[in-house]
Amino acid sequence: MTGIAEQNRLRLREVAGLFLKLGTLSFGGPAAHTALMEDEVVRRRQWMTREEFLDLVGMTNLIPGPNSTELAIIIGRRRAGWPGLLVAGAGFILPAVFIVTFFAWMYVRFGALPQVHALLLGVKPVILAVVIQALWRLGNTAIKNCALGLLAAAAAALGFLGVHELVILFGIGLLAVSYFSLKQRWKAGQTLMWSGLAALPMAGAGLPATALAVAAPFTLGAMFLFFLKVGAVLYGSGYVLLAFLQADLVERWHWLTESQLLDAVAVGQFTPGPLFTTATFIGYVLGGLPGATLATLGIFLPAFLFVAISEPFLPRLRKNPSAGAFLDGLNVASLALMLVVTVQLTASTVVDWPSLVLALLAGWLLLRYKVNSVWLVLSGALAGELRWLMGF
C-alpha cells in the first residue's frame, strides 16, 4: 500500500513539473500547446499512446472552454487521478496568470505594456516547426484509411472556407459513423444512403448566444458570473472570445473601452499559456487583484467541471463501434482545424529570411536530433532578442 501511495505522489510531482514548465513556455495558441503536449506526453515520456492522445484531443474539442487547458486537465487526470486533474490544470494556467497579472499591474500603473516583440520574433518560427512536426506524427496515426483521409481533406476545406468549428467537428464525426454503418451493411449485402451530410446544418444549432440582455453596473460578483458564463458556453478560437467581450463589456455595459479590450487580448496572445488569461488582465483592470482572481476562477472553473464529468465516459465510447467511428472522424477533423490554424500562423510568422531560417533549423533539429521542444522555444526566444539587438 505504501508503494502505491509513493508511486501516486511521484506521478503527481511529474504532472506538476511538466505542466508548470509547459504553462511557462507554451507560446503560440492552442495548436502549439497541443503540439508541445504531444511531444512531452507521447514521444518523450510515453504516458500514453498516440491513439489515446488523439482521443483526448477530439474530446476536448467537443466541450466548451479552452481546449488546450482542458487537454492538460484530462492528461493530468489520466496520469495521476483526481489530484492530477487539479494539479495539471493549475500548473498550466498559473504561470500565465502571474505573468498577465504583472503586465496588468504595469498597465494600470504606467498606462502602457512592456515591449515583447523581440521575444516573439524568435519564438514564433520555432513554434511553427513544432506544430508542423506534431501534425505529421498525429496525422500518420489518425488517418487510418482512405475514407478518413478524404474526411480530413473535407474538414480542412471547410475550415479554410470559414465554416464554424462545431459544424465541422460534428459533421465529420457523423459522416464517419455513416461510412462505418455503410461499410458494415455492405458486408452484410445491404445498402444504406449516406446520411451524415444532412446533419451538417444541425451541428451548429447549439452555438452560444452572446451577452446578457440587460445592462448592469460593475460589481465583482457580476464580473465573476459573466466570466463563468463565458467559460461555460464558449466554443472556438480567441476571436470568438473577443466577440463575447466586445458585446458585453464594451458595447452593453461600458466597463471597458475598446482600446483596453484590444490591449487585454494582445496580452493574452503574447504571453504563454491559455488565451483565456485575457480575463485575468480585464479583471485586474476592473477590480485590482480581487478582480483578477475572480475573473480567472470564473472563466476556467467550467473547464475543470466539464472534464471531470465527461472523462470517465471516453473509454466506453471507444469500445462502442459506432462511437469509435465518430471519434475517428472527430480526430481527423480536429487535426484538419489544426492545419488551418498552422497555415494562418505560417503566413504571419515566416515574413523574412531570418524567420524562415529559424523555422527550418528548428524543424531539422526536431527531426534529426529529436531535441526537446522546450529547449527550442527558449533558444528561439534568445535568437529573437539577439536579432532585435543586431537590428535585423
Protein backbone atom coordinates (compact mmCIF):
# COMPACT_ATOMS: atom_id res chain seq x y z
CA MET A 1 0.00 0.00 0.00
CA THR A 2 2.88 2.32 0.84
CA GLY A 3 4.43 1.58 -2.55
CA ILE A 4 1.24 2.56 -4.36
CA ALA A 5 0.98 5.78 -2.35
CA GLU A 6 4.59 6.64 -3.16
CA GLN A 7 4.01 5.93 -6.85
CA ASN A 8 0.96 8.23 -6.81
CA ARG A 9 2.98 11.00 -5.20
CA LEU A 10 5.74 10.56 -7.78
CA ARG A 11 3.25 10.76 -10.62
CA LEU A 12 1.68 13.87 -9.13
CA ARG A 13 5.10 15.54 -8.89
CA GLU A 14 5.78 14.60 -12.53
CA VAL A 15 2.48 16.10 -13.63
CA ALA A 16 3.10 19.29 -11.62
CA GLY A 17 6.61 19.72 -13.03
CA LEU A 18 5.59 19.11 -16.62
CA PHE A 19 2.60 21.44 -16.74
CA LEU A 20 4.30 24.21 -14.80
CA LYS A 21 7.05 24.06 -17.43
CA LEU A 22 4.58 24.00 -20.32
CA GLY A 23 2.50 26.77 -18.78
CA THR A 24 5.61 28.94 -18.61
CA LEU A 25 6.88 28.25 -22.14
CA SER A 26 3.86 27.34 -24.28
CA PHE A 27 3.58 30.30 -26.63
CA GLY A 28 1.55 30.17 -29.83
CA GLY A 29 -2.07 29.29 -29.02
CA PRO A 30 -3.99 26.00 -28.74
CA ALA A 31 -2.43 24.30 -31.78
CA ALA A 32 1.05 24.96 -30.42
CA HIS A 33 0.04 23.87 -26.92
CA THR A 34 -1.30 20.58 -28.30
CA ALA A 35 1.92 20.00 -30.22
CA LEU A 36 4.08 20.66 -27.14
CA MET A 37 1.96 18.31 -25.01
CA GLU A 38 2.14 15.57 -27.64
CA ASP A 39 5.91 15.91 -27.75
CA GLU A 40 6.23 15.62 -23.96
CA VAL A 41 3.44 13.17 -23.10
CA VAL A 42 3.59 10.77 -26.05
CA ARG A 43 7.06 10.92 -27.59
CA ARG A 44 9.32 11.70 -24.64
CA ARG A 45 7.55 10.36 -21.54
CA GLN A 46 5.31 7.72 -23.16
CA TRP A 47 2.49 8.26 -20.68
CA MET A 48 0.00 7.23 -23.37
CA THR A 49 -0.13 6.08 -26.95
CA ARG A 50 -0.65 8.48 -29.84
CA GLU A 51 -4.11 6.97 -30.40
CA GLU A 52 -5.10 7.70 -26.79
CA PHE A 53 -3.76 11.24 -27.09
CA LEU A 54 -5.79 11.82 -30.25
CA ASP A 55 -8.96 10.67 -28.50
CA LEU A 56 -8.33 13.21 -25.74
CA VAL A 57 -7.78 15.97 -28.30
CA GLY A 58 -11.04 15.04 -30.01
CA MET A 59 -12.98 15.00 -26.76
CA THR A 60 -11.73 18.43 -25.65
CA ASN A 61 -12.94 19.84 -28.97
CA LEU A 62 -16.47 18.68 -28.13
CA ILE A 63 -16.83 20.51 -24.83
CA PRO A 64 -16.90 24.29 -24.28
CA GLY A 65 -13.93 26.15 -22.90
CA PRO A 66 -10.19 26.49 -23.59
CA ASN A 67 -9.23 23.30 -25.45
CA SER A 68 -5.54 23.22 -24.56
CA THR A 69 -6.28 23.82 -20.87
CA GLU A 70 -8.84 21.01 -20.93
CA LEU A 71 -6.28 18.78 -22.63
CA ALA A 72 -3.82 19.49 -19.81
CA ILE A 73 -6.52 18.74 -17.23
CA ILE A 74 -7.53 15.43 -18.78
CA ILE A 75 -3.90 14.30 -19.20
CA GLY A 76 -3.33 15.05 -15.50
CA ARG A 77 -6.43 13.02 -14.62
CA ARG A 78 -5.20 10.06 -16.67
CA ARG A 79 -1.71 10.17 -15.22
CA ALA A 80 -2.32 10.95 -11.54
CA GLY A 81 -6.04 10.54 -10.82
CA TRP A 82 -8.28 13.27 -9.47
CA PRO A 83 -5.42 15.17 -7.75
CA GLY A 84 -3.66 15.13 -11.13
CA LEU A 85 -6.68 16.79 -12.73
CA LEU A 86 -6.36 19.78 -10.39
CA VAL A 87 -2.57 19.92 -10.39
CA ALA A 88 -2.19 19.74 -14.18
CA GLY A 89 -4.82 22.41 -14.79
CA ALA A 90 -3.43 24.73 -12.15
CA GLY A 91 0.13 24.14 -13.33
CA PHE A 92 -0.74 25.03 -16.90
CA ILE A 93 -2.82 28.10 -16.01
CA LEU A 94 -0.99 29.73 -13.09
CA PRO A 95 2.30 30.79 -14.79
CA ALA A 96 0.32 32.71 -17.41
CA VAL A 97 -1.93 34.17 -14.72
CA PHE A 98 1.07 35.53 -12.78
CA ILE A 99 2.68 36.94 -15.94
CA VAL A 100 -0.56 38.54 -17.13
CA THR A 101 -1.22 39.98 -13.66
CA PHE A 102 2.23 41.58 -13.71
CA PHE A 103 1.54 43.10 -17.12
CA ALA A 104 -1.87 44.31 -15.91
CA TRP A 105 -0.23 45.97 -12.90
CA MET A 106 2.23 47.76 -15.21
CA TYR A 107 -0.64 48.74 -17.49
CA VAL A 108 -2.67 50.25 -14.65
CA ARG A 109 0.39 51.81 -13.00
CA PHE A 110 2.13 53.25 -16.09
CA GLY A 111 -0.56 53.14 -18.79
CA ALA A 112 1.49 51.02 -21.20
CA LEU A 113 2.51 47.43 -21.94
CA PRO A 114 6.10 46.10 -21.94
CA GLN A 115 7.71 45.53 -25.33
CA VAL A 116 7.86 41.80 -26.12
CA HIS A 117 8.02 41.99 -29.89
CA ALA A 118 11.68 40.91 -29.92
CA LEU A 119 10.92 37.77 -27.94
CA LEU A 120 8.20 36.69 -30.37
CA LEU A 121 10.46 37.25 -33.38
CA GLY A 122 12.34 34.10 -32.41
CA VAL A 123 9.67 32.09 -30.62
CA LYS A 124 7.04 32.07 -33.39
CA PRO A 125 9.15 30.33 -36.09
CA VAL A 126 10.20 27.65 -33.59
CA ILE A 127 6.59 27.08 -32.53
CA LEU A 128 5.65 26.74 -36.19
CA ALA A 129 8.17 23.92 -36.65
CA VAL A 130 6.93 22.16 -33.51
CA VAL A 131 3.30 22.32 -34.67
CA ILE A 132 4.10 21.02 -38.17
CA GLN A 133 6.04 18.08 -36.74
CA ALA A 134 3.19 17.22 -34.34
CA LEU A 135 0.66 17.42 -37.19
CA TRP A 136 2.74 14.97 -39.22
CA ARG A 137 3.02 12.47 -36.38
CA LEU A 138 -0.60 12.72 -35.29
CA GLY A 139 -1.84 12.62 -38.88
CA ASN A 140 0.02 9.39 -39.55
CA THR A 141 -1.82 7.87 -36.59
CA ALA A 142 -5.27 9.36 -37.13
CA ILE A 143 -5.66 8.80 -40.87
CA LYS A 144 -6.08 5.02 -40.80
CA ASN A 145 -7.62 4.60 -44.25
CA CYS A 146 -8.54 6.47 -47.45
CA ALA A 147 -12.01 7.35 -46.16
CA LEU A 148 -10.60 9.15 -43.12
CA GLY A 149 -8.09 10.87 -45.39
CA LEU A 150 -10.93 12.20 -47.55
CA LEU A 151 -12.84 13.33 -44.46
CA ALA A 152 -9.72 15.14 -43.21
CA ALA A 153 -9.39 16.91 -46.56
CA ALA A 154 -13.08 17.89 -46.48
CA ALA A 155 -12.70 19.23 -42.92
CA ALA A 156 -9.68 21.30 -43.92
CA ALA A 157 -11.52 22.71 -46.94
CA LEU A 158 -14.48 23.69 -44.75
CA GLY A 159 -12.11 25.26 -42.24
CA PHE A 160 -10.47 27.41 -44.93
CA LEU A 161 -13.95 28.45 -46.10
CA GLY A 162 -14.73 29.73 -42.60
CA VAL A 163 -17.32 27.15 -41.55
CA HIS A 164 -17.79 27.10 -37.76
CA GLU A 165 -15.59 24.64 -35.89
CA LEU A 166 -18.52 22.84 -34.26
CA VAL A 167 -20.22 22.26 -37.59
CA ILE A 168 -17.02 20.71 -38.94
CA LEU A 169 -16.35 18.55 -35.89
CA PHE A 170 -19.85 17.13 -35.51
CA GLY A 171 -20.44 16.90 -39.26
CA ILE A 172 -17.25 14.97 -39.99
CA GLY A 173 -17.86 12.75 -36.97
CA LEU A 174 -21.33 11.89 -38.22
CA LEU A 175 -20.02 11.26 -41.72
CA ALA A 176 -17.50 8.82 -40.25
CA VAL A 177 -20.33 6.99 -38.44
CA SER A 178 -22.34 6.89 -41.67
CA TYR A 179 -19.36 5.46 -43.54
CA PHE A 180 -18.86 2.82 -40.84
CA SER A 181 -22.54 1.86 -40.98
CA LEU A 182 -22.47 1.73 -44.77
CA LYS A 183 -19.41 -0.47 -44.70
CA GLN A 184 -20.97 -2.86 -42.17
CA ARG A 185 -24.20 -3.12 -44.14
CA TRP A 186 -22.32 -3.53 -47.39
CA LYS A 187 -20.57 -6.51 -45.91
CA ALA A 188 -23.95 -7.94 -44.99
CA GLY A 189 -25.25 -7.40 -48.52
CA GLN A 190 -27.36 -4.37 -47.66
CA THR A 191 -27.27 -0.75 -48.80
CA LEU A 192 -27.58 2.46 -46.86
CA MET A 193 -27.80 6.03 -48.08
CA TRP A 194 -25.05 8.23 -46.71
CA SER A 195 -26.93 10.42 -44.28
CA GLY A 196 -24.21 12.29 -42.47
CA LEU A 197 -24.35 15.33 -44.77
CA ALA A 198 -27.87 16.08 -43.59
CA ALA A 199 -26.53 16.54 -40.07
CA LEU A 200 -24.07 19.29 -41.00
CA PRO A 201 -26.55 22.20 -40.82
CA MET A 202 -27.83 20.91 -37.48
CA ALA A 203 -24.42 20.73 -35.84
CA GLY A 204 -24.24 24.46 -35.24
CA ALA A 205 -27.68 24.69 -33.70
CA GLY A 206 -26.34 24.95 -30.17
CA LEU A 207 -23.90 27.76 -30.79
CA PRO A 208 -23.78 30.20 -27.87
CA ALA A 209 -25.68 33.46 -28.00
CA THR A 210 -23.68 36.41 -26.84
CA ALA A 211 -24.27 38.70 -23.97
CA LEU A 212 -26.74 39.44 -21.28
CA ALA A 213 -29.71 41.47 -22.36
CA VAL A 214 -29.79 43.99 -19.52
CA ALA A 215 -27.01 46.42 -18.67
CA ALA A 216 -25.67 46.34 -15.13
CA PRO A 217 -23.30 48.44 -13.01
CA PHE A 218 -19.87 46.94 -12.33
CA THR A 219 -19.54 44.69 -9.31
CA LEU A 220 -17.08 41.90 -8.64
CA GLY A 221 -19.96 39.42 -8.38
CA ALA A 222 -21.41 40.43 -11.75
CA MET A 223 -17.99 40.19 -13.37
CA PHE A 224 -17.42 36.71 -11.90
CA LEU A 225 -20.79 35.49 -13.22
CA PHE A 226 -20.06 36.94 -16.65
CA PHE A 227 -16.74 35.09 -16.97
CA LEU A 228 -18.31 31.94 -15.54
CA LYS A 229 -20.90 32.12 -18.33
CA VAL A 230 -18.24 32.67 -20.98
CA GLY A 231 -16.20 29.71 -19.75
CA ALA A 232 -19.30 27.52 -19.77
CA VAL A 233 -20.58 28.25 -23.27
CA LEU A 234 -17.71 29.45 -25.44
CA TYR A 235 -16.55 27.30 -28.33
CA GLY A 236 -13.99 28.22 -30.94
CA SER A 237 -10.98 30.48 -31.26
CA GLY A 238 -9.82 33.57 -29.44
CA TYR A 239 -11.76 35.64 -31.95
CA VAL A 240 -14.97 34.17 -30.51
CA LEU A 241 -13.82 35.20 -27.03
CA LEU A 242 -13.18 38.70 -28.38
CA ALA A 243 -16.75 38.84 -29.70
CA PHE A 244 -18.17 37.96 -26.26
CA LEU A 245 -16.04 40.56 -24.51
CA GLN A 246 -16.76 43.26 -27.09
CA ALA A 247 -20.53 42.72 -26.97
CA ASP A 248 -20.93 42.83 -23.18
CA LEU A 249 -18.00 44.62 -21.57
CA VAL A 250 -17.59 47.37 -24.17
CA GLU A 251 -20.88 47.89 -26.00
CA ARG A 252 -23.53 46.97 -23.39
CA TRP A 253 -22.06 47.73 -20.01
CA HIS A 254 -19.24 50.16 -20.90
CA TRP A 255 -16.98 48.63 -18.26
CA LEU A 256 -14.05 48.78 -20.71
CA THR A 257 -13.06 50.95 -23.64
CA GLU A 258 -12.34 49.29 -26.97
CA SER A 259 -8.69 50.21 -26.61
CA GLN A 260 -8.49 48.49 -23.21
CA LEU A 261 -10.12 45.37 -24.64
CA LEU A 262 -7.63 45.19 -27.52
CA ASP A 263 -4.75 45.62 -25.06
CA ALA A 264 -6.17 42.78 -22.94
CA VAL A 265 -6.41 40.46 -25.95
CA ALA A 266 -2.87 41.41 -27.02
CA VAL A 267 -1.54 40.42 -23.59
CA GLY A 268 -3.32 37.07 -23.83
CA GLN A 269 -1.73 36.45 -27.22
CA PHE A 270 1.88 37.35 -26.47
CA THR A 271 2.09 35.61 -23.09
CA PRO A 272 2.48 31.83 -22.72
CA GLY A 273 -0.35 29.54 -21.70
CA PRO A 274 -4.07 29.78 -22.48
CA LEU A 275 -5.52 32.83 -24.25
CA PHE A 276 -8.32 32.84 -21.66
CA THR A 277 -5.93 34.63 -19.27
CA THR A 278 -7.20 37.71 -21.11
CA ALA A 279 -9.86 37.52 -18.40
CA THR A 280 -7.17 37.89 -15.72
CA PHE A 281 -5.98 41.14 -17.31
CA ILE A 282 -9.51 42.51 -17.60
CA GLY A 283 -10.30 41.51 -14.01
CA TYR A 284 -7.24 43.38 -12.73
CA VAL A 285 -8.05 46.49 -14.77
CA LEU A 286 -11.63 46.50 -13.45
CA GLY A 287 -11.14 45.33 -9.87
CA GLY A 288 -7.48 45.02 -8.94
CA LEU A 289 -6.11 41.77 -7.54
CA PRO A 290 -9.52 40.53 -6.29
CA GLY A 291 -10.95 41.19 -9.75
CA ALA A 292 -8.12 39.30 -11.45
CA THR A 293 -8.62 36.34 -9.12
CA LEU A 294 -12.39 36.16 -9.59
CA ALA A 295 -12.22 36.62 -13.37
CA THR A 296 -9.64 33.81 -13.64
CA LEU A 297 -11.68 31.47 -11.45
CA GLY A 298 -14.86 32.24 -13.37
CA ILE A 299 -13.54 31.58 -16.85
CA PHE A 300 -11.53 28.43 -16.03
CA LEU A 301 -13.78 26.69 -13.48
CA PRO A 302 -16.16 25.21 -16.10
CA ALA A 303 -13.23 23.52 -17.87
CA PHE A 304 -12.40 21.50 -14.74
CA LEU A 305 -16.05 20.57 -14.26
CA PHE A 306 -16.63 19.55 -17.89
CA VAL A 307 -13.53 17.34 -17.95
CA ALA A 308 -14.40 15.73 -14.61
CA ILE A 309 -17.90 14.88 -15.89
CA SER A 310 -17.01 13.69 -19.39
CA GLU A 311 -13.62 11.95 -18.99
CA PRO A 312 -14.92 8.69 -17.43
CA PHE A 313 -17.14 8.07 -20.49
CA LEU A 314 -14.33 8.17 -23.08
CA PRO A 315 -13.12 4.53 -22.70
CA ARG A 316 -16.69 3.28 -23.11
CA LEU A 317 -17.15 5.38 -26.24
CA ARG A 318 -14.02 3.95 -27.82
CA LYS A 319 -15.22 0.38 -27.19
CA ASN A 320 -18.54 1.01 -28.97
CA PRO A 321 -18.01 0.54 -32.76
CA SER A 322 -20.25 3.42 -33.85
CA ALA A 323 -18.95 5.77 -31.15
CA GLY A 324 -15.40 4.72 -32.06
CA ALA A 325 -16.07 5.66 -35.68
CA PHE A 326 -17.37 9.05 -34.51
CA LEU A 327 -14.16 9.58 -32.52
CA ASP A 328 -12.07 8.66 -35.57
CA GLY A 329 -13.93 11.29 -37.60
CA LEU A 330 -13.63 13.80 -34.78
CA ASN A 331 -9.88 13.21 -34.55
CA VAL A 332 -9.19 13.84 -38.23
CA ALA A 333 -11.45 16.91 -38.14
CA SER A 334 -9.51 18.24 -35.13
CA LEU A 335 -6.22 17.78 -36.97
CA ALA A 336 -7.66 19.47 -40.05
CA LEU A 337 -8.57 22.51 -37.93
CA MET A 338 -5.04 22.49 -36.53
CA LEU A 339 -3.76 22.52 -40.11
CA VAL A 340 -5.90 25.55 -40.95
CA VAL A 341 -4.51 27.42 -37.93
CA THR A 342 -0.96 26.36 -38.88
CA VAL A 343 -1.32 27.77 -42.41
CA GLN A 344 -2.55 31.05 -40.93
CA LEU A 345 0.32 31.02 -38.43
CA THR A 346 2.81 30.44 -41.25
CA ALA A 347 1.56 33.48 -43.15
CA SER A 348 2.06 35.74 -40.12
CA THR A 349 5.30 34.11 -38.89
CA VAL A 350 7.56 33.49 -41.89
CA VAL A 351 7.77 37.09 -43.07
CA ASP A 352 11.51 37.37 -43.92
CA TRP A 353 14.58 35.22 -44.38
CA PRO A 354 15.70 35.15 -40.69
CA SER A 355 12.31 33.78 -39.60
CA LEU A 356 12.42 31.19 -42.41
CA VAL A 357 15.92 30.10 -41.36
CA LEU A 358 14.80 29.78 -37.72
CA ALA A 359 11.77 27.66 -38.67
CA LEU A 360 13.81 25.36 -40.93
CA LEU A 361 16.60 25.00 -38.35
CA ALA A 362 14.11 24.16 -35.59
CA GLY A 363 12.42 21.59 -37.84
CA TRP A 364 15.77 20.00 -38.71
CA LEU A 365 16.78 19.75 -35.03
CA LEU A 366 13.42 18.18 -34.16
CA LEU A 367 13.56 15.58 -36.93
CA ARG A 368 17.28 14.80 -36.92
CA TYR A 369 18.19 15.01 -33.24
CA LYS A 370 14.74 14.96 -31.54
CA VAL A 371 15.67 17.99 -29.43
CA ASN A 372 13.24 18.77 -26.62
CA SER A 373 10.81 21.36 -27.95
CA VAL A 374 11.02 23.37 -24.71
CA TRP A 375 14.75 23.97 -25.27
CA LEU A 376 13.98 25.02 -28.83
CA VAL A 377 11.43 27.57 -27.59
CA LEU A 378 13.97 29.03 -25.15
CA SER A 379 16.62 29.13 -27.89
CA GLY A 380 14.15 30.84 -30.21
CA ALA A 381 13.44 33.50 -27.58
CA LEU A 382 17.18 34.15 -27.26
CA ALA A 383 17.54 34.29 -31.05
CA GLY A 384 14.72 36.83 -31.22
CA GLU A 385 16.38 39.07 -28.65
CA LEU A 386 19.74 38.83 -30.48
CA ARG A 387 18.06 39.61 -33.78
CA TRP A 388 16.43 42.70 -32.28
CA LEU A 389 19.71 43.89 -30.74
CA MET A 390 21.54 43.41 -34.05
CA GLY A 391 18.82 45.25 -35.94
CA PHE A 392 17.67 42.64 -38.46
